[in-house]
Amino acid sequence: MCYKITVLFAIFTLTITLAFQPGLQQFKLPSCGKTSVLLYMVSDSIDLDAIEALGHEASANWDMAATPFLNEKDSLLVKDRLENLADVGCMQVGAIFPDFRRTRFVMTNPDLELDPKEIETQYSRVLCIDIQNSDLPKTGVGSNAWPSLLMRIGVDLENVGDVVVEHNAVYMVVAPEVVKQCKRIIPKELTGVGITISELEYEEYKYISFDGVLQDMELGKLDKRALKYGV
């Protein structure tokens, strides 16, 4: 009896430690079916074993599961790991722009046929922010304007792909679950700038000019501190 209590206490302690450890970020992954897990990223390094386990689970259940949006380095690591798994099929989505950096991966059983258009629109969307009476800066000085803005309005960067700023428009790849939030709150955040936000159809992607400036979507230490303390 004492042994069981000790084991249960140890499991409880480990769970609490994982949940509240300051350097440990939790990412809940969306899926089409019952698959729903938390991926832990320790010291800004992605947990490839957790992603592989998620892929095996989705494959075994003939389900689909997706990673968060990942930076270029982590995307290459995940792609290399998944492509070497015989029992897991995957598709990279969100690679809208020629020089794309941030993408996510949809995993399922390799014998399940995936329609590229359907999967792309199910796991990523493109927002077009038209600027009517002002020019937004293409780069931030001393900070990254777009990731900071998105974090301020409660949109985690795990739900954001590439952001491209042109002369009078911004194209933003996002997860479907944050589309309404972006459309509702970004205009309120950018006071004094006349903007309209629309969601592009898949067929409209080919009309994007692709001559804008691809934004750096990594938050630096100063940006994180400013968001934390509101400075």
C-alpha atoms as a PDB file:
ATOM      1  CA  MET A   1       0.000   0.000   0.000  1.00  0.00           C
ATOM      2  CA  CYS A   2       2.801   2.400   0.931  1.00  0.00           C
ATOM      3  CA  TYR A   3       4.541   1.533  -2.341  1.00  0.00           C
ATOM      4  CA  LYS A   4       1.456   2.435  -4.386  1.00  0.00           C
ATOM      5  CA  ILE A   5       1.065   5.745  -2.551  1.00  0.00           C
ATOM      6  CA  THR A   6       4.728   6.580  -3.182  1.00  0.00           C
ATOM      7  CA  VAL A   7       4.399   5.848  -6.908  1.00  0.00           C
ATOM      8  CA  LEU A   8       1.229   7.906  -7.208  1.00  0.00           C
ATOM      9  CA  PHE A   9       2.848  10.810  -5.346  1.00  0.00           C
ATOM     10  CA  ALA A  10       5.870  10.656  -7.673  1.00  0.00           C
ATOM     11  CA  ILE A  11       3.645  10.713 -10.763  1.00  0.00           C
ATOM     12  CA  PHE A  12       1.651  13.624  -9.315  1.00  0.00           C
ATOM     13  CA  THR A  13       4.850  15.540  -8.533  1.00  0.00           C
ATOM     14  CA  LEU A  14       6.198  14.974 -12.067  1.00  0.00           C
ATOM     15  CA  THR A  15       2.918  16.149 -13.588  1.00  0.00           C
ATOM     16  CA  ILE A  16       2.899  19.340 -11.530  1.00  0.00           C
ATOM     17  CA  THR A  17       6.556  19.969 -12.378  1.00  0.00           C
ATOM     18  CA  LEU A  18       5.887  19.646 -16.118  1.00  0.00           C
ATOM     19  CA  ALA A  19       2.818  21.831 -15.954  1.00  0.00           C
ATOM     20  CA  PHE A  20       4.436  24.717 -14.104  1.00  0.00           C
ATOM     21  CA  GLN A  21       8.115  24.582 -15.045  1.00  0.00           C
ATOM     22  CA  PRO A  22       8.898  28.106 -16.340  1.00  0.00           C
ATOM     23  CA  GLY A  23      11.084  27.006 -19.246  1.00  0.00           C
ATOM     24  CA  LEU A  24       8.646  24.429 -20.551  1.00  0.00           C
ATOM     25  CA  GLN A  25       6.137  25.489 -23.180  1.00  0.00           C
ATOM     26  CA  GLN A  26       3.032  23.425 -23.899  1.00  0.00           C
ATOM     27  CA  PHE A  27       1.520  23.240 -27.348  1.00  0.00           C
ATOM     28  CA  LYS A  28      -1.876  21.657 -27.895  1.00  0.00           C
ATOM     29  CA  LEU A  29      -2.151  20.221 -31.375  1.00  0.00           C
ATOM     30  CA  PRO A  30      -5.410  20.338 -33.346  1.00  0.00           C
ATOM     31  CA  SER A  31      -6.672  17.253 -35.152  1.00  0.00           C
ATOM     32  CA  CYS A  32      -9.600  16.070 -37.237  1.00  0.00           C
ATOM     33  CA  GLY A  33     -10.597  13.245 -34.919  1.00  0.00           C
ATOM     34  CA  LYS A  34      -9.923  12.199 -31.368  1.00  0.00           C
ATOM     35  CA  THR A  35      -6.167  12.730 -31.382  1.00  0.00           C
ATOM     36  CA  SER A  36      -5.236  15.577 -29.067  1.00  0.00           C
ATOM     37  CA  VAL A  37      -1.914  15.790 -27.267  1.00  0.00           C
ATOM     38  CA  LEU A  38       0.465  18.261 -25.684  1.00  0.00           C
ATOM     39  CA  LEU A  39       3.910  18.642 -27.199  1.00  0.00           C
ATOM     40  CA  TYR A  40       6.596  19.869 -24.836  1.00  0.00           C
ATOM     41  CA  MET A  41       9.357  22.107 -26.114  1.00  0.00           C
ATOM     42  CA  VAL A  42      12.285  22.248 -23.729  1.00  0.00           C
ATOM     43  CA  SER A  43      14.766  25.122 -24.020  1.00  0.00           C
ATOM     44  CA  ASP A  44      13.293  26.112 -27.404  1.00  0.00           C
ATOM     45  CA  SER A  45      14.145  22.673 -28.843  1.00  0.00           C
ATOM     46  CA  ILE A  46      11.302  20.742 -30.406  1.00  0.00           C
ATOM     47  CA  ASP A  47      10.550  17.269 -29.071  1.00  0.00           C
ATOM     48  CA  LEU A  48      10.941  15.061 -32.149  1.00  0.00           C
ATOM     49  CA  ASP A  49      10.108  11.911 -30.202  1.00  0.00           C
ATOM     50  CA  ALA A  50       6.759  13.380 -29.141  1.00  0.00           C
ATOM     51  CA  ILE A  51       5.948  14.325 -32.734  1.00  0.00           C
ATOM     52  CA  GLU A  52       6.898  10.849 -33.969  1.00  0.00           C
ATOM     53  CA  ALA A  53       4.703   9.254 -31.280  1.00  0.00           C
ATOM     54  CA  LEU A  54       1.830  11.502 -32.347  1.00  0.00           C
ATOM     55  CA  GLY A  55       2.360  10.421 -35.962  1.00  0.00           C
ATOM     56  CA  HIS A  56       2.302   6.719 -35.022  1.00  0.00           C
ATOM     57  CA  GLU A  57      -0.895   7.235 -33.022  1.00  0.00           C
ATOM     58  CA  ALA A  58      -2.628   9.098 -35.860  1.00  0.00           C
ATOM     59  CA  SER A  59      -1.534   6.415 -38.320  1.00  0.00           C
ATOM     60  CA  ALA A  60      -2.746   3.551 -36.147  1.00  0.00           C
ATOM     61  CA  ASN A  61      -6.137   5.239 -35.693  1.00  0.00           C
ATOM     62  CA  TRP A  62      -6.441   6.293 -39.359  1.00  0.00           C
ATOM     63  CA  ASP A  63      -6.751   9.802 -37.978  1.00  0.00           C
ATOM     64  CA  MET A  64      -4.955  13.066 -38.731  1.00  0.00           C
ATOM     65  CA  ALA A  65      -2.908  15.259 -36.410  1.00  0.00           C
ATOM     66  CA  ALA A  66      -0.840  18.393 -36.969  1.00  0.00           C
ATOM     67  CA  THR A  67       2.188  20.052 -35.458  1.00  0.00           C
ATOM     68  CA  PRO A  68       2.211  23.760 -34.598  1.00  0.00           C
ATOM     69  CA  PHE A  69       3.789  26.109 -37.129  1.00  0.00           C
ATOM     70  CA  LEU A  70       7.556  25.602 -36.878  1.00  0.00           C
ATOM     71  CA  ASN A  71      10.510  27.731 -37.883  1.00  0.00           C
ATOM     72  CA  GLU A  72      12.716  26.701 -40.788  1.00  0.00           C
ATOM     73  CA  LYS A  73      15.246  24.814 -38.661  1.00  0.00           C
ATOM     74  CA  ASP A  74      12.661  22.787 -36.756  1.00  0.00           C
ATOM     75  CA  SER A  75      10.673  22.117 -39.939  1.00  0.00           C
ATOM     76  CA  LEU A  76      13.721  20.506 -41.527  1.00  0.00           C
ATOM     77  CA  LEU A  77      14.273  18.334 -38.455  1.00  0.00           C
ATOM     78  CA  VAL A  78      10.642  17.215 -38.371  1.00  0.00           C
ATOM     79  CA  LYS A  79      10.537  16.562 -42.120  1.00  0.00           C
ATOM     80  CA  ASP A  80      13.676  14.436 -41.945  1.00  0.00           C
ATOM     81  CA  ARG A  81      12.261  12.406 -39.035  1.00  0.00           C
ATOM     82  CA  LEU A  82       8.820  11.845 -40.556  1.00  0.00           C
ATOM     83  CA  GLU A  83      10.010  10.969 -44.051  1.00  0.00           C
ATOM     84  CA  ASN A  84      11.988   8.058 -42.611  1.00  0.00           C
ATOM     85  CA  LEU A  85       8.905   6.483 -41.003  1.00  0.00           C
ATOM     86  CA  ALA A  86       7.356   3.764 -43.148  1.00  0.00           C
ATOM     87  CA  ASP A  87       4.070   3.688 -41.225  1.00  0.00           C
ATOM     88  CA  VAL A  88       3.431   7.456 -41.060  1.00  0.00           C
ATOM     89  CA  GLY A  89       2.395   9.653 -43.956  1.00  0.00           C
ATOM     90  CA  CYS A  90       2.854  13.408 -43.740  1.00  0.00           C
ATOM     91  CA  MET A  91       2.135  16.574 -45.676  1.00  0.00           C
ATOM     92  CA  GLN A  92       3.810  19.946 -45.169  1.00  0.00           C
ATOM     93  CA  VAL A  93       1.323  22.824 -45.223  1.00  0.00           C
ATOM     94  CA  GLY A  94       1.570  26.595 -45.062  1.00  0.00           C
ATOM     95  CA  ALA A  95       4.389  26.850 -47.623  1.00  0.00           C
ATOM     96  CA  ILE A  96       2.562  29.547 -49.566  1.00  0.00           C
ATOM     97  CA  PHE A  97       5.465  31.856 -50.420  1.00  0.00           C
ATOM     98  CA  PRO A  98       8.480  30.889 -52.569  1.00  0.00           C
ATOM     99  CA  ASP A  99      10.958  31.627 -49.752  1.00  0.00           C
ATOM    100  CA  PHE A 100       8.772  30.170 -47.021  1.00  0.00           C
ATOM    101  CA  ARG A 101      10.192  29.721 -43.518  1.00  0.00           C
ATOM    102  CA  ARG A 102       7.369  28.659 -41.225  1.00  0.00           C
ATOM    103  CA  THR A 103       5.301  25.549 -41.932  1.00  0.00           C
ATOM    104  CA  ARG A 104       3.459  22.772 -40.115  1.00  0.00           C
ATOM    105  CA  PHE A 105       3.048  19.067 -40.762  1.00  0.00           C
ATOM    106  CA  VAL A 106      -0.110  16.965 -41.004  1.00  0.00           C
ATOM    107  CA  MET A 107       0.412  13.298 -40.126  1.00  0.00           C
ATOM    108  CA  THR A 108      -1.763  10.284 -40.869  1.00  0.00           C
ATOM    109  CA  ASN A 109      -1.721   6.726 -42.192  1.00  0.00           C
ATOM    110  CA  PRO A 110       0.325   6.509 -45.425  1.00  0.00           C
ATOM    111  CA  ASP A 111      -2.482   4.514 -47.088  1.00  0.00           C
ATOM    112  CA  LEU A 112      -4.973   7.327 -46.507  1.00  0.00           C
ATOM    113  CA  GLU A 113      -5.190   9.456 -49.640  1.00  0.00           C
ATOM    114  CA  LEU A 114      -4.882  13.160 -48.896  1.00  0.00           C
ATOM    115  CA  ASP A 115      -6.214  15.918 -51.119  1.00  0.00           C
ATOM    116  CA  PRO A 116      -3.595  18.717 -51.053  1.00  0.00           C
ATOM    117  CA  LYS A 117      -6.161  21.513 -51.389  1.00  0.00           C
ATOM    118  CA  GLU A 118      -8.389  20.082 -48.664  1.00  0.00           C
ATOM    119  CA  ILE A 119      -5.516  19.531 -46.223  1.00  0.00           C
ATOM    120  CA  GLU A 120      -3.980  22.943 -46.939  1.00  0.00           C
ATOM    121  CA  THR A 121      -7.219  24.783 -46.208  1.00  0.00           C
ATOM    122  CA  GLN A 122      -8.063  22.592 -43.222  1.00  0.00           C
ATOM    123  CA  TYR A 123      -4.800  23.353 -41.432  1.00  0.00           C
ATOM    124  CA  SER A 124      -3.752  26.785 -42.743  1.00  0.00           C
ATOM    125  CA  ARG A 125      -5.420  29.927 -44.068  1.00  0.00           C
ATOM    126  CA  VAL A 126      -4.113  33.113 -45.674  1.00  0.00           C
ATOM    127  CA  LEU A 127      -5.295  36.509 -44.469  1.00  0.00           C
ATOM    128  CA  CYS A 128      -4.889  39.614 -46.610  1.00  0.00           C
ATOM    129  CA  ILE A 129      -4.644  42.886 -44.672  1.00  0.00           C
ATOM    130  CA  ASP A 130      -5.319  45.779 -47.061  1.00  0.00           C
ATOM    131  CA  ILE A 131      -3.873  49.099 -45.907  1.00  0.00           C
ATOM    132  CA  GLN A 132      -5.977  52.015 -47.103  1.00  0.00           C
ATOM    133  CA  ASN A 133      -4.473  55.235 -45.765  1.00  0.00           C
ATOM    134  CA  SER A 134      -1.061  54.473 -44.347  1.00  0.00           C
ATOM    135  CA  ASP A 135       2.093  52.461 -44.956  1.00  0.00           C
ATOM    136  CA  LEU A 136       3.025  49.891 -42.344  1.00  0.00           C
ATOM    137  CA  PRO A 137       6.750  49.452 -41.652  1.00  0.00           C
ATOM    138  CA  LYS A 138       8.305  46.499 -43.422  1.00  0.00           C
ATOM    139  CA  THR A 139      10.721  45.874 -40.565  1.00  0.00           C
ATOM    140  CA  GLY A 140      10.821  46.810 -36.925  1.00  0.00           C
ATOM    141  CA  VAL A 141      13.721  48.749 -35.410  1.00  0.00           C
ATOM    142  CA  GLY A 142      14.971  46.974 -32.284  1.00  0.00           C
ATOM    143  CA  SER A 143      11.948  44.671 -32.219  1.00  0.00           C
ATOM    144  CA  ASN A 144       9.836  42.440 -34.408  1.00  0.00           C
ATOM    145  CA  ALA A 145       6.606  44.339 -34.937  1.00  0.00           C
ATOM    146  CA  TRP A 146       4.325  41.584 -36.250  1.00  0.00           C
ATOM    147  CA  PRO A 147       5.085  38.756 -33.791  1.00  0.00           C
ATOM    148  CA  SER A 148       4.845  41.249 -30.925  1.00  0.00           C
ATOM    149  CA  LEU A 149       1.488  42.524 -32.175  1.00  0.00           C
ATOM    150  CA  LEU A 150       0.076  39.019 -32.560  1.00  0.00           C
ATOM    151  CA  MET A 151       1.219  37.958 -29.104  1.00  0.00           C
ATOM    152  CA  ARG A 152      -0.337  41.115 -27.613  1.00  0.00           C
ATOM    153  CA  ILE A 153      -3.747  40.188 -28.994  1.00  0.00           C
ATOM    154  CA  GLY A 154      -3.466  36.643 -27.672  1.00  0.00           C
ATOM    155  CA  VAL A 155      -2.446  34.818 -30.859  1.00  0.00           C
ATOM    156  CA  ASP A 156       0.400  32.420 -30.053  1.00  0.00           C
ATOM    157  CA  LEU A 157       3.081  32.191 -32.721  1.00  0.00           C
ATOM    158  CA  GLU A 158       2.547  28.408 -32.882  1.00  0.00           C
ATOM    159  CA  ASN A 159      -0.638  29.359 -34.794  1.00  0.00           C
ATOM    160  CA  VAL A 160       1.122  31.704 -37.224  1.00  0.00           C
ATOM    161  CA  GLY A 161       3.093  30.845 -40.345  1.00  0.00           C
ATOM    162  CA  ASP A 162       4.834  33.320 -42.631  1.00  0.00           C
ATOM    163  CA  VAL A 163       3.978  37.026 -42.697  1.00  0.00           C
ATOM    164  CA  VAL A 164       4.855  39.072 -45.788  1.00  0.00           C
ATOM    165  CA  VAL A 165       4.588  42.881 -45.844  1.00  0.00           C
ATOM    166  CA  GLU A 166       4.122  44.716 -49.131  1.00  0.00           C
ATOM    167  CA  HIS A 167       3.648  48.425 -49.853  1.00  0.00           C
ATOM    168  CA  ASN A 168      -0.068  48.458 -49.122  1.00  0.00           C
ATOM    169  CA  ALA A 169      -0.880  44.938 -47.960  1.00  0.00           C
ATOM    170  CA  VAL A 170       0.165  42.246 -45.518  1.00  0.00           C
ATOM    171  CA  TYR A 171      -0.259  38.525 -46.211  1.00  0.00           C
ATOM    172  CA  MET A 172      -0.386  36.316 -43.135  1.00  0.00           C
ATOM    173  CA  VAL A 173      -0.539  32.504 -42.941  1.00  0.00           C
ATOM    174  CA  VAL A 174      -2.410  31.378 -39.824  1.00  0.00           C
ATOM    175  CA  ALA A 175      -4.104  28.342 -38.329  1.00  0.00           C
ATOM    176  CA  PRO A 176      -7.868  28.294 -39.037  1.00  0.00           C
ATOM    177  CA  GLU A 177      -8.764  28.537 -35.352  1.00  0.00           C
ATOM    178  CA  VAL A 178      -7.315  32.060 -35.011  1.00  0.00           C
ATOM    179  CA  VAL A 179      -8.781  33.579 -38.195  1.00  0.00           C
ATOM    180  CA  LYS A 180     -11.764  35.206 -36.452  1.00  0.00           C
ATOM    181  CA  GLN A 181      -9.580  36.503 -33.637  1.00  0.00           C
ATOM    182  CA  CYS A 182      -7.163  38.156 -36.071  1.00  0.00           C
ATOM    183  CA  LYS A 183      -9.940  39.698 -38.152  1.00  0.00           C
ATOM    184  CA  ARG A 184     -11.685  41.087 -35.077  1.00  0.00           C
ATOM    185  CA  ILE A 185      -8.773  42.366 -32.982  1.00  0.00           C
ATOM    186  CA  ILE A 186      -5.997  43.459 -35.372  1.00  0.00           C
ATOM    187  CA  PRO A 187      -8.001  46.471 -36.659  1.00  0.00           C
ATOM    188  CA  LYS A 188      -8.546  47.564 -33.035  1.00  0.00           C
ATOM    189  CA  GLU A 189      -4.840  47.190 -32.290  1.00  0.00           C
ATOM    190  CA  LEU A 190      -3.749  49.216 -35.332  1.00  0.00           C
ATOM    191  CA  THR A 191      -5.670  52.357 -34.450  1.00  0.00           C
ATOM    192  CA  GLY A 192      -5.278  55.199 -36.908  1.00  0.00           C
ATOM    193  CA  VAL A 193      -4.475  52.847 -39.769  1.00  0.00           C
ATOM    194  CA  GLY A 194      -7.313  52.218 -42.193  1.00  0.00           C
ATOM    195  CA  ILE A 195      -7.290  48.483 -42.857  1.00  0.00           C
ATOM    196  CA  THR A 196      -9.600  45.734 -44.007  1.00  0.00           C
ATOM    197  CA  ILE A 197      -8.878  42.046 -43.438  1.00  0.00           C
ATOM    198  CA  SER A 198     -10.136  39.309 -45.739  1.00  0.00           C
ATOM    199  CA  GLU A 199      -9.564  35.578 -45.894  1.00  0.00           C
ATOM    200  CA  LEU A 200      -8.297  34.408 -49.267  1.00  0.00           C
ATOM    201  CA  GLU A 201      -9.714  31.395 -51.045  1.00  0.00           C
ATOM    202  CA  TYR A 202      -7.271  28.649 -52.033  1.00  0.00           C
ATOM    203  CA  GLU A 203      -7.649  29.583 -55.710  1.00  0.00           C
ATOM    204  CA  GLU A 204      -6.587  33.165 -54.910  1.00  0.00           C
ATOM    205  CA  TYR A 205      -3.159  32.176 -53.573  1.00  0.00           C
ATOM    206  CA  LYS A 206      -1.727  32.212 -57.096  1.00  0.00           C
ATOM    207  CA  TYR A 207      -2.549  35.923 -57.437  1.00  0.00           C
ATOM    208  CA  ILE A 208      -0.324  36.961 -54.510  1.00  0.00           C
ATOM    209  CA  SER A 209       2.527  39.019 -55.970  1.00  0.00           C
ATOM    210  CA  PHE A 210       5.247  37.516 -53.710  1.00  0.00           C
ATOM    211  CA  ASP A 211       7.400  40.658 -53.903  1.00  0.00           C
ATOM    212  CA  GLY A 212       7.021  41.757 -50.297  1.00  0.00           C
ATOM    213  CA  VAL A 213       9.345  41.480 -47.300  1.00  0.00           C
ATOM    214  CA  LEU A 214       9.200  38.205 -45.363  1.00  0.00           C
ATOM    215  CA  GLN A 215       9.047  39.068 -41.669  1.00  0.00           C
ATOM    216  CA  ASP A 216      11.185  37.612 -38.891  1.00  0.00           C
ATOM    217  CA  MET A 217       8.670  35.826 -36.662  1.00  0.00           C
ATOM    218  CA  GLU A 218      11.076  34.929 -33.852  1.00  0.00           C
ATOM    219  CA  LEU A 219      10.721  36.980 -30.673  1.00  0.00           C
ATOM    220  CA  GLY A 220      13.971  38.243 -29.155  1.00  0.00           C
ATOM    221  CA  LYS A 221      14.633  38.545 -25.425  1.00  0.00           C
ATOM    222  CA  LEU A 222      13.674  42.227 -25.370  1.00  0.00           C
ATOM    223  CA  ASP A 223      10.401  41.478 -27.144  1.00  0.00           C
ATOM    224  CA  LYS A 224       9.547  38.686 -24.686  1.00  0.00           C
ATOM    225  CA  ARG A 225      10.369  40.951 -21.735  1.00  0.00           C
ATOM    226  CA  ALA A 226       8.220  43.760 -23.127  1.00  0.00           C
ATOM    227  CA  LEU A 227       5.275  41.395 -23.568  1.00  0.00           C
ATOM    228  CA  LYS A 228       5.699  39.941 -20.093  1.00  0.00           C
ATOM    229  CA  TYR A 229       5.923  43.242 -18.241  1.00  0.00           C
ATOM    230  CA  GLY A 230       3.922  45.431 -20.629  1.00  0.00           C
ATOM    231  CA  VAL A 231       6.763  47.821 -21.350  1.00  0.00           C
END
